[in-house]
Amino acid sequence: MIRVGINGRFFPNGWRPAKEEIQFAQKADFASIQFPGEEEGLSPERLGHPLMDVGVMMRDAGLESVMEIIVRMDENGRTPNGYTAVEVLQNNLPAIRALGCSCVHWHPMLHSYDDSRIMRRIEKTFLEYCAEGVKLAQNEGFLFGIEHNAADIPFFSDPKWITVLLTAVPDLKFVWDFNHTDRSHLEAFLLLASRMSMLHIADAPLPKLNCHLPLGEGTIDIAAYSQSVVQRGFEGIGILEIGGAPWSGGFGQDTDAALNYSKRQLLQALHNHN
């Protein structure tokens, strides 16, 4: 139902080489690792090893590779180095191929959320971008999707707009983030379960969102969310995207112990459902 994976700890404030992260994930019986796409393409330096070597290690360990590409844009819908979202996806193709990623998605973000007209204009450009991304993904053999933002960010956060996007691009997938979901949006997102390629799972002290706490340290009903999405037909990867944000106590909460505990909490919730 939900194959539990981890968000690879390849960040400046908590970096581990990919070999160690793979060893941990295999020993702890996780199913997958989420790798970070980059504006210029994921580099070997980010992982501490050549990309092909990491792909071999992942396959030898029986782990599934997935990728999140955070696309940070200005008011023109361009990244700091002037790329469109499609170009950023293309820049990451060598890493996607080397790692053997089965699922890839964009997480669109802006430098400023002050002008609603700019946000609506950029959202509409993604109708075409997503169609291009899906076509590219189909040619390469992976699933391609898009992730929503937290409800307090008025950009790619409205489930009505996400539904419009998924309707316009039939083969586009959706990455649902528990930690980005306001209670008022829960049912609307659950209706999209059949289009979901992955889940991002973390806790938050509702109504505050986007805290990325280990499971059990917030007030999200993890059991209800996970059971509800499975009941509606979801079957795929659930990435534990924990680690903490400054407003929730700071980074560094994605320890081995916290990941193992969070996995047990999630599996127990699913077991109780069965």
C-alpha atoms as a PDB file:
ATOM      1  CA  MET A   1       0.000   0.000   0.000  1.00  0.00           C
ATOM      2  CA  ILE A   2       2.487   2.631   1.199  1.00  0.00           C
ATOM      3  CA  ARG A   3       6.139   1.778   0.616  1.00  0.00           C
ATOM      4  CA  VAL A   4       7.953   3.928   3.173  1.00  0.00           C
ATOM      5  CA  GLY A   5      11.043   5.837   2.091  1.00  0.00           C
ATOM      6  CA  ILE A   6      13.264   8.621   3.366  1.00  0.00           C
ATOM      7  CA  ASN A   7      14.218  12.041   2.101  1.00  0.00           C
ATOM      8  CA  GLY A   8      17.949  11.746   1.461  1.00  0.00           C
ATOM      9  CA  ARG A   9      19.964  13.824   3.905  1.00  0.00           C
ATOM     10  CA  PHE A  10      22.091  15.638   1.349  1.00  0.00           C
ATOM     11  CA  PHE A  11      21.765  19.090   2.901  1.00  0.00           C
ATOM     12  CA  PRO A  12      24.532  21.435   4.149  1.00  0.00           C
ATOM     13  CA  ASN A  13      23.216  21.329   7.710  1.00  0.00           C
ATOM     14  CA  GLY A  14      22.999  17.532   7.878  1.00  0.00           C
ATOM     15  CA  TRP A  15      24.944  16.021   4.989  1.00  0.00           C
ATOM     16  CA  ARG A  16      25.756  12.339   4.625  1.00  0.00           C
ATOM     17  CA  PRO A  17      27.389  10.687   1.633  1.00  0.00           C
ATOM     18  CA  ALA A  18      24.973   8.630  -0.409  1.00  0.00           C
ATOM     19  CA  LYS A  19      26.744   5.369   0.465  1.00  0.00           C
ATOM     20  CA  GLU A  20      26.010   5.857   4.170  1.00  0.00           C
ATOM     21  CA  GLU A  21      22.433   6.922   3.489  1.00  0.00           C
ATOM     22  CA  ILE A  22      21.872   3.824   1.350  1.00  0.00           C
ATOM     23  CA  GLN A  23      23.366   1.566   4.013  1.00  0.00           C
ATOM     24  CA  PHE A  24      21.079   3.080   6.637  1.00  0.00           C
ATOM     25  CA  ALA A  25      17.972   2.792   4.468  1.00  0.00           C
ATOM     26  CA  GLN A  26      18.718  -0.839   3.597  1.00  0.00           C
ATOM     27  CA  LYS A  27      19.454  -1.861   7.192  1.00  0.00           C
ATOM     28  CA  ALA A  28      16.318  -0.111   8.477  1.00  0.00           C
ATOM     29  CA  ASP A  29      14.197  -1.764   5.764  1.00  0.00           C
ATOM     30  CA  PHE A  30      13.099   1.405   3.998  1.00  0.00           C
ATOM     31  CA  ALA A  31      11.867   1.044   0.424  1.00  0.00           C
ATOM     32  CA  SER A  32      13.253   4.151  -1.247  1.00  0.00           C
ATOM     33  CA  ILE A  33      15.322   7.320  -1.078  1.00  0.00           C
ATOM     34  CA  GLN A  34      14.256  10.684  -2.450  1.00  0.00           C
ATOM     35  CA  PHE A  35      17.085  12.553  -4.169  1.00  0.00           C
ATOM     36  CA  PRO A  36      17.160  16.340  -4.681  1.00  0.00           C
ATOM     37  CA  GLY A  37      17.164  17.666  -8.205  1.00  0.00           C
ATOM     38  CA  GLU A  38      19.132  20.883  -8.719  1.00  0.00           C
ATOM     39  CA  GLU A  39      18.790  23.882 -11.006  1.00  0.00           C
ATOM     40  CA  GLU A  40      21.837  22.873 -13.083  1.00  0.00           C
ATOM     41  CA  GLY A  41      21.235  19.154 -12.551  1.00  0.00           C
ATOM     42  CA  LEU A  42      22.058  16.979  -9.549  1.00  0.00           C
ATOM     43  CA  SER A  43      25.836  16.814  -9.181  1.00  0.00           C
ATOM     44  CA  PRO A  44      28.073  13.994  -7.920  1.00  0.00           C
ATOM     45  CA  GLU A  45      29.461  16.434  -5.339  1.00  0.00           C
ATOM     46  CA  ARG A  46      26.023  16.723  -3.740  1.00  0.00           C
ATOM     47  CA  LEU A  47      25.949  12.964  -3.187  1.00  0.00           C
ATOM     48  CA  GLY A  48      29.622  12.349  -2.493  1.00  0.00           C
ATOM     49  CA  HIS A  49      29.971   9.761  -5.274  1.00  0.00           C
ATOM     50  CA  PRO A  50      29.659   9.489  -9.072  1.00  0.00           C
ATOM     51  CA  LEU A  51      26.007   9.316 -10.069  1.00  0.00           C
ATOM     52  CA  MET A  52      26.342   5.943 -11.796  1.00  0.00           C
ATOM     53  CA  ASP A  53      27.936   4.484  -8.657  1.00  0.00           C
ATOM     54  CA  VAL A  54      25.026   5.704  -6.550  1.00  0.00           C
ATOM     55  CA  GLY A  55      22.586   4.127  -8.990  1.00  0.00           C
ATOM     56  CA  VAL A  56      24.399   0.795  -8.742  1.00  0.00           C
ATOM     57  CA  MET A  57      24.429   0.990  -4.939  1.00  0.00           C
ATOM     58  CA  MET A  58      20.695   1.722  -4.900  1.00  0.00           C
ATOM     59  CA  ARG A  59      19.894  -1.221  -7.123  1.00  0.00           C
ATOM     60  CA  ASP A  60      22.194  -3.564  -5.191  1.00  0.00           C
ATOM     61  CA  ALA A  61      20.460  -2.521  -1.970  1.00  0.00           C
ATOM     62  CA  GLY A  62      17.011  -3.128  -3.478  1.00  0.00           C
ATOM     63  CA  LEU A  63      16.017   0.513  -3.007  1.00  0.00           C
ATOM     64  CA  GLU A  64      13.853   2.621  -5.310  1.00  0.00           C
ATOM     65  CA  SER A  65      15.112   6.045  -6.388  1.00  0.00           C
ATOM     66  CA  VAL A  66      12.768   9.023  -6.679  1.00  0.00           C
ATOM     67  CA  MET A  67      13.518  12.718  -7.164  1.00  0.00           C
ATOM     68  CA  GLU A  68      12.032  16.018  -6.035  1.00  0.00           C
ATOM     69  CA  ILE A  69      13.013  19.095  -8.040  1.00  0.00           C
ATOM     70  CA  ILE A  70      12.339  22.319  -6.161  1.00  0.00           C
ATOM     71  CA  VAL A  71      11.926  25.011  -8.828  1.00  0.00           C
ATOM     72  CA  ARG A  72      12.445  28.469  -7.307  1.00  0.00           C
ATOM     73  CA  MET A  73      11.289  31.183  -9.692  1.00  0.00           C
ATOM     74  CA  ASP A  74      11.188  34.949 -10.036  1.00  0.00           C
ATOM     75  CA  GLU A  75       8.293  37.055 -11.306  1.00  0.00           C
ATOM     76  CA  ASN A  76       9.089  35.915 -14.852  1.00  0.00           C
ATOM     77  CA  GLY A  77       8.822  32.250 -13.964  1.00  0.00           C
ATOM     78  CA  ARG A  78      12.570  31.769 -14.334  1.00  0.00           C
ATOM     79  CA  THR A  79      15.120  30.303 -11.951  1.00  0.00           C
ATOM     80  CA  PRO A  80      18.106  32.388 -10.743  1.00  0.00           C
ATOM     81  CA  ASN A  81      20.127  31.231 -13.747  1.00  0.00           C
ATOM     82  CA  GLY A  82      17.296  31.893 -16.185  1.00  0.00           C
ATOM     83  CA  TYR A  83      15.891  28.385 -16.703  1.00  0.00           C
ATOM     84  CA  THR A  84      12.272  27.399 -17.140  1.00  0.00           C
ATOM     85  CA  ALA A  85      10.922  24.478 -15.130  1.00  0.00           C
ATOM     86  CA  VAL A  86      11.138  22.240 -18.210  1.00  0.00           C
ATOM     87  CA  GLU A  87      14.785  23.157 -18.703  1.00  0.00           C
ATOM     88  CA  VAL A  88      15.522  22.355 -15.057  1.00  0.00           C
ATOM     89  CA  LEU A  89      13.927  18.944 -15.575  1.00  0.00           C
ATOM     90  CA  GLN A  90      16.083  18.427 -18.661  1.00  0.00           C
ATOM     91  CA  ASN A  91      19.179  19.437 -16.686  1.00  0.00           C
ATOM     92  CA  ASN A  92      18.446  16.645 -14.215  1.00  0.00           C
ATOM     93  CA  LEU A  93      17.954  13.902 -16.814  1.00  0.00           C
ATOM     94  CA  PRO A  94      21.526  12.557 -16.520  1.00  0.00           C
ATOM     95  CA  ALA A  95      20.994  12.028 -12.781  1.00  0.00           C
ATOM     96  CA  ILE A  96      17.502  10.607 -13.268  1.00  0.00           C
ATOM     97  CA  ARG A  97      18.893   8.055 -15.714  1.00  0.00           C
ATOM     98  CA  ALA A  98      21.936   7.192 -13.605  1.00  0.00           C
ATOM     99  CA  LEU A  99      19.885   6.748 -10.425  1.00  0.00           C
ATOM    100  CA  GLY A 100      17.076   4.929 -12.212  1.00  0.00           C
ATOM    101  CA  CYS A 101      14.394   7.199 -10.760  1.00  0.00           C
ATOM    102  CA  SER A 102      10.886   5.773 -11.027  1.00  0.00           C
ATOM    103  CA  CYS A 103       9.091   8.971  -9.961  1.00  0.00           C
ATOM    104  CA  VAL A 104      10.131  12.595 -10.423  1.00  0.00           C
ATOM    105  CA  HIS A 105       8.205  15.718  -9.510  1.00  0.00           C
ATOM    106  CA  TRP A 106       8.412  19.477  -9.458  1.00  0.00           C
ATOM    107  CA  HIS A 107       7.803  21.492  -6.313  1.00  0.00           C
ATOM    108  CA  PRO A 108       7.188  25.017  -7.689  1.00  0.00           C
ATOM    109  CA  MET A 109       8.111  27.940  -5.439  1.00  0.00           C
ATOM    110  CA  LEU A 110       8.464  31.703  -5.865  1.00  0.00           C
ATOM    111  CA  HIS A 111      10.829  34.218  -4.319  1.00  0.00           C
ATOM    112  CA  SER A 112       7.850  36.438  -3.465  1.00  0.00           C
ATOM    113  CA  TYR A 113       4.160  35.744  -2.962  1.00  0.00           C
ATOM    114  CA  ASP A 114       3.059  39.391  -2.858  1.00  0.00           C
ATOM    115  CA  ASP A 115       1.428  39.724  -6.282  1.00  0.00           C
ATOM    116  CA  SER A 116      -1.511  37.422  -6.986  1.00  0.00           C
ATOM    117  CA  ARG A 117      -1.514  38.347 -10.701  1.00  0.00           C
ATOM    118  CA  ILE A 118       2.051  37.076 -11.088  1.00  0.00           C
ATOM    119  CA  MET A 119       1.208  33.873  -9.246  1.00  0.00           C
ATOM    120  CA  ARG A 120      -1.847  33.158 -11.404  1.00  0.00           C
ATOM    121  CA  ARG A 121       0.111  33.876 -14.582  1.00  0.00           C
ATOM    122  CA  ILE A 122       2.934  31.505 -13.631  1.00  0.00           C
ATOM    123  CA  GLU A 123       0.490  28.801 -12.536  1.00  0.00           C
ATOM    124  CA  LYS A 124      -1.145  28.961 -15.964  1.00  0.00           C
ATOM    125  CA  THR A 125       2.202  28.592 -17.734  1.00  0.00           C
ATOM    126  CA  PHE A 126       2.559  25.259 -15.939  1.00  0.00           C
ATOM    127  CA  LEU A 127      -0.328  23.830 -17.947  1.00  0.00           C
ATOM    128  CA  GLU A 128       2.024  23.744 -20.925  1.00  0.00           C
ATOM    129  CA  TYR A 129       5.099  22.942 -18.835  1.00  0.00           C
ATOM    130  CA  CYS A 130       3.420  19.930 -17.229  1.00  0.00           C
ATOM    131  CA  ALA A 131       2.364  18.559 -20.600  1.00  0.00           C
ATOM    132  CA  GLU A 132       5.982  18.876 -21.772  1.00  0.00           C
ATOM    133  CA  GLY A 133       7.242  17.280 -18.567  1.00  0.00           C
ATOM    134  CA  VAL A 134       4.902  14.311 -18.910  1.00  0.00           C
ATOM    135  CA  LYS A 135       5.915  13.744 -22.524  1.00  0.00           C
ATOM    136  CA  LEU A 136       9.590  13.857 -21.606  1.00  0.00           C
ATOM    137  CA  ALA A 137       9.011  11.477 -18.677  1.00  0.00           C
ATOM    138  CA  GLN A 138       7.131   8.993 -20.835  1.00  0.00           C
ATOM    139  CA  ASN A 139       9.989   8.970 -23.335  1.00  0.00           C
ATOM    140  CA  GLU A 140      12.438   8.331 -20.482  1.00  0.00           C
ATOM    141  CA  GLY A 141      10.305   5.789 -18.598  1.00  0.00           C
ATOM    142  CA  PHE A 142       9.465   7.479 -15.299  1.00  0.00           C
ATOM    143  CA  LEU A 143       6.307   8.939 -13.736  1.00  0.00           C
ATOM    144  CA  PHE A 144       6.170  12.712 -13.561  1.00  0.00           C
ATOM    145  CA  GLY A 145       4.162  14.818 -11.126  1.00  0.00           C
ATOM    146  CA  ILE A 146       3.755  18.083  -9.273  1.00  0.00           C
ATOM    147  CA  GLU A 147       3.599  18.866  -5.558  1.00  0.00           C
ATOM    148  CA  HIS A 148       1.393  21.450  -3.878  1.00  0.00           C
ATOM    149  CA  ASN A 149       2.454  24.108  -1.387  1.00  0.00           C
ATOM    150  CA  ALA A 150       1.171  24.688   2.122  1.00  0.00           C
ATOM    151  CA  ALA A 151      -2.231  26.358   2.348  1.00  0.00           C
ATOM    152  CA  ASP A 152      -0.761  29.588   3.701  1.00  0.00           C
ATOM    153  CA  ILE A 153       1.270  30.016   0.476  1.00  0.00           C
ATOM    154  CA  PRO A 154      -1.144  31.206  -2.246  1.00  0.00           C
ATOM    155  CA  PHE A 155       0.747  29.467  -5.061  1.00  0.00           C
ATOM    156  CA  PHE A 156      -0.004  25.890  -6.185  1.00  0.00           C
ATOM    157  CA  SER A 157      -1.855  25.335  -2.906  1.00  0.00           C
ATOM    158  CA  ASP A 158      -5.521  25.462  -3.930  1.00  0.00           C
ATOM    159  CA  PRO A 159      -6.878  21.933  -4.566  1.00  0.00           C
ATOM    160  CA  LYS A 160      -9.265  23.400  -7.164  1.00  0.00           C
ATOM    161  CA  TRP A 161      -6.326  24.587  -9.251  1.00  0.00           C
ATOM    162  CA  ILE A 162      -4.465  21.308  -8.785  1.00  0.00           C
ATOM    163  CA  THR A 163      -7.596  19.519 -10.032  1.00  0.00           C
ATOM    164  CA  VAL A 164      -7.752  21.799 -13.085  1.00  0.00           C
ATOM    165  CA  LEU A 165      -4.107  21.040 -13.832  1.00  0.00           C
ATOM    166  CA  LEU A 166      -4.566  17.271 -13.491  1.00  0.00           C
ATOM    167  CA  THR A 167      -7.665  17.391 -15.682  1.00  0.00           C
ATOM    168  CA  ALA A 168      -5.854  19.366 -18.376  1.00  0.00           C
ATOM    169  CA  VAL A 169      -2.836  17.011 -18.347  1.00  0.00           C
ATOM    170  CA  PRO A 170      -4.304  13.499 -17.983  1.00  0.00           C
ATOM    171  CA  ASP A 171      -1.036  11.630 -17.361  1.00  0.00           C
ATOM    172  CA  LEU A 172       0.352  14.123 -14.844  1.00  0.00           C
ATOM    173  CA  LYS A 173       0.733  12.735 -11.325  1.00  0.00           C
ATOM    174  CA  PHE A 174       0.226  14.485  -7.985  1.00  0.00           C
ATOM    175  CA  VAL A 175       2.447  14.408  -4.897  1.00  0.00           C
ATOM    176  CA  TRP A 176       0.320  14.952  -1.801  1.00  0.00           C
ATOM    177  CA  ASP A 177       2.059  16.382   1.263  1.00  0.00           C
ATOM    178  CA  PHE A 178       0.338  15.752   4.629  1.00  0.00           C
ATOM    179  CA  ASN A 179       2.402  18.553   6.111  1.00  0.00           C
ATOM    180  CA  HIS A 180       1.105  21.087   3.538  1.00  0.00           C
ATOM    181  CA  THR A 181      -2.589  20.260   3.943  1.00  0.00           C
ATOM    182  CA  ASP A 182      -5.030  22.487   5.784  1.00  0.00           C
ATOM    183  CA  ARG A 183      -7.952  20.572   7.283  1.00  0.00           C
ATOM    184  CA  SER A 184     -10.331  22.468   5.014  1.00  0.00           C
ATOM    185  CA  HIS A 185      -8.515  21.047   1.948  1.00  0.00           C
ATOM    186  CA  LEU A 186      -8.238  17.452   3.160  1.00  0.00           C
ATOM    187  CA  GLU A 187     -11.276  15.965   1.406  1.00  0.00           C
ATOM    188  CA  ALA A 188     -10.499  17.772  -1.851  1.00  0.00           C
ATOM    189  CA  PHE A 189      -6.987  16.342  -1.932  1.00  0.00           C
ATOM    190  CA  LEU A 190      -8.203  12.856  -1.014  1.00  0.00           C
ATOM    191  CA  LEU A 191     -10.397  12.933  -4.116  1.00  0.00           C
ATOM    192  CA  LEU A 192      -7.149  12.998  -6.116  1.00  0.00           C
ATOM    193  CA  ALA A 193      -5.843   9.732  -4.630  1.00  0.00           C
ATOM    194  CA  SER A 194      -6.005   7.887  -7.939  1.00  0.00           C
ATOM    195  CA  ARG A 195      -3.644  10.465  -9.487  1.00  0.00           C
ATOM    196  CA  MET A 196      -1.056  10.402  -6.704  1.00  0.00           C
ATOM    197  CA  SER A 197       2.390   9.007  -7.461  1.00  0.00           C
ATOM    198  CA  MET A 198       3.838   9.686  -4.005  1.00  0.00           C
ATOM    199  CA  LEU A 199       3.066  10.988  -0.538  1.00  0.00           C
ATOM    200  CA  HIS A 200       5.197  13.304   1.575  1.00  0.00           C
ATOM    201  CA  ILE A 201       4.626  12.484   5.213  1.00  0.00           C
ATOM    202  CA  ALA A 202       5.549  14.600   8.230  1.00  0.00           C
ATOM    203  CA  ASP A 203       3.824  16.050  11.286  1.00  0.00           C
ATOM    204  CA  ALA A 204       2.836  19.604  12.216  1.00  0.00           C
ATOM    205  CA  PRO A 205       1.012  21.311  15.103  1.00  0.00           C
ATOM    206  CA  LEU A 206      -2.153  22.162  13.188  1.00  0.00           C
ATOM    207  CA  PRO A 207      -3.307  24.711  12.161  1.00  0.00           C
ATOM    208  CA  LYS A 208       0.372  25.584  11.619  1.00  0.00           C
ATOM    209  CA  LEU A 209       1.747  23.833   8.547  1.00  0.00           C
ATOM    210  CA  ASN A 210       5.074  23.116   6.871  1.00  0.00           C
ATOM    211  CA  CYS A 211       6.903  22.182  10.082  1.00  0.00           C
ATOM    212  CA  HIS A 212       8.264  18.787   8.954  1.00  0.00           C
ATOM    213  CA  LEU A 213       8.254  17.244  12.417  1.00  0.00           C
ATOM    214  CA  PRO A 214       8.802  13.543  13.144  1.00  0.00           C
ATOM    215  CA  LEU A 215       5.526  11.639  13.355  1.00  0.00           C
ATOM    216  CA  GLY A 216       3.877  11.970  16.737  1.00  0.00           C
ATOM    217  CA  GLU A 217       5.352  15.385  17.520  1.00  0.00           C
ATOM    218  CA  GLY A 218       2.475  17.334  15.974  1.00  0.00           C
ATOM    219  CA  THR A 219      -1.280  16.985  15.756  1.00  0.00           C
ATOM    220  CA  ILE A 220      -1.834  15.649  12.219  1.00  0.00           C
ATOM    221  CA  ASP A 221      -3.938  12.495  12.405  1.00  0.00           C
ATOM    222  CA  ILE A 222      -1.414  10.386  10.511  1.00  0.00           C
ATOM    223  CA  ALA A 223      -3.556   7.260  10.850  1.00  0.00           C
ATOM    224  CA  ALA A 224      -6.652   8.948   9.410  1.00  0.00           C
ATOM    225  CA  TYR A 225      -4.746  10.567   6.526  1.00  0.00           C
ATOM    226  CA  SER A 226      -2.887   7.399   5.559  1.00  0.00           C
ATOM    227  CA  GLN A 227      -5.885   5.117   5.944  1.00  0.00           C
ATOM    228  CA  SER A 228      -8.117   7.481   3.982  1.00  0.00           C
ATOM    229  CA  VAL A 229      -5.770   7.745   1.014  1.00  0.00           C
ATOM    230  CA  VAL A 230      -5.252   3.968   0.914  1.00  0.00           C
ATOM    231  CA  GLN A 231      -9.019   3.396   1.066  1.00  0.00           C
ATOM    232  CA  ARG A 232      -9.300   5.599  -2.016  1.00  0.00           C
ATOM    233  CA  GLY A 233      -6.877   3.437  -3.940  1.00  0.00           C
ATOM    234  CA  PHE A 234      -3.429   4.931  -3.390  1.00  0.00           C
ATOM    235  CA  GLU A 235      -0.575   2.461  -3.657  1.00  0.00           C
ATOM    236  CA  GLY A 236       2.950   3.798  -3.877  1.00  0.00           C
ATOM    237  CA  ILE A 237       5.797   5.481  -2.058  1.00  0.00           C
ATOM    238  CA  GLY A 238       5.420   7.548   1.100  1.00  0.00           C
ATOM    239  CA  ILE A 239       8.517   9.643   1.782  1.00  0.00           C
ATOM    240  CA  LEU A 240       9.171  10.611   5.401  1.00  0.00           C
ATOM    241  CA  GLU A 241      10.069  14.227   4.768  1.00  0.00           C
ATOM    242  CA  ILE A 242      10.962  15.121   8.332  1.00  0.00           C
ATOM    243  CA  GLY A 243      13.719  17.386   9.571  1.00  0.00           C
ATOM    244  CA  GLY A 244      12.134  20.416  11.179  1.00  0.00           C
ATOM    245  CA  ALA A 245      11.946  24.039  10.112  1.00  0.00           C
ATOM    246  CA  PRO A 246      13.060  27.163  12.044  1.00  0.00           C
ATOM    247  CA  TRP A 247       9.524  27.911  13.228  1.00  0.00           C
ATOM    248  CA  SER A 248       9.122  24.346  14.539  1.00  0.00           C
ATOM    249  CA  GLY A 249      12.301  24.023  16.563  1.00  0.00           C
ATOM    250  CA  GLY A 250      14.919  24.062  13.835  1.00  0.00           C
ATOM    251  CA  PHE A 251      16.541  21.644  11.434  1.00  0.00           C
ATOM    252  CA  GLY A 252      18.318  18.431  12.373  1.00  0.00           C
ATOM    253  CA  GLN A 253      15.327  16.437  13.573  1.00  0.00           C
ATOM    254  CA  ASP A 254      15.699  13.845  10.811  1.00  0.00           C
ATOM    255  CA  THR A 255      17.914  11.553  12.884  1.00  0.00           C
ATOM    256  CA  ASP A 256      18.142   7.819  12.252  1.00  0.00           C
ATOM    257  CA  ALA A 257      16.140   7.242  15.430  1.00  0.00           C
ATOM    258  CA  ALA A 258      13.421   9.719  14.395  1.00  0.00           C
ATOM    259  CA  LEU A 259      13.121   8.158  10.939  1.00  0.00           C
ATOM    260  CA  ASN A 260      12.878   4.649  12.352  1.00  0.00           C
ATOM    261  CA  TYR A 261      10.310   5.736  14.933  1.00  0.00           C
ATOM    262  CA  SER A 262       8.269   7.598  12.324  1.00  0.00           C
ATOM    263  CA  LYS A 263       8.254   4.546  10.075  1.00  0.00           C
ATOM    264  CA  ARG A 264       6.971   2.394  12.926  1.00  0.00           C
ATOM    265  CA  GLN A 265       4.242   4.939  13.638  1.00  0.00           C
ATOM    266  CA  LEU A 266       3.123   4.964  10.012  1.00  0.00           C
ATOM    267  CA  LEU A 267       3.174   1.185   9.594  1.00  0.00           C
ATOM    268  CA  GLN A 268       1.287   0.740  12.847  1.00  0.00           C
ATOM    269  CA  ALA A 269      -1.388   3.122  11.615  1.00  0.00           C
ATOM    270  CA  LEU A 270      -1.781   1.103   8.413  1.00  0.00           C
ATOM    271  CA  HIS A 271      -1.716  -2.208  10.306  1.00  0.00           C
ATOM    272  CA  ASN A 272      -4.519  -1.049  12.598  1.00  0.00           C
ATOM    273  CA  HIS A 273      -6.538  -0.169   9.507  1.00  0.00           C
ATOM    274  CA  ASN A 274      -6.152  -3.697   8.156  1.00  0.00           C
END
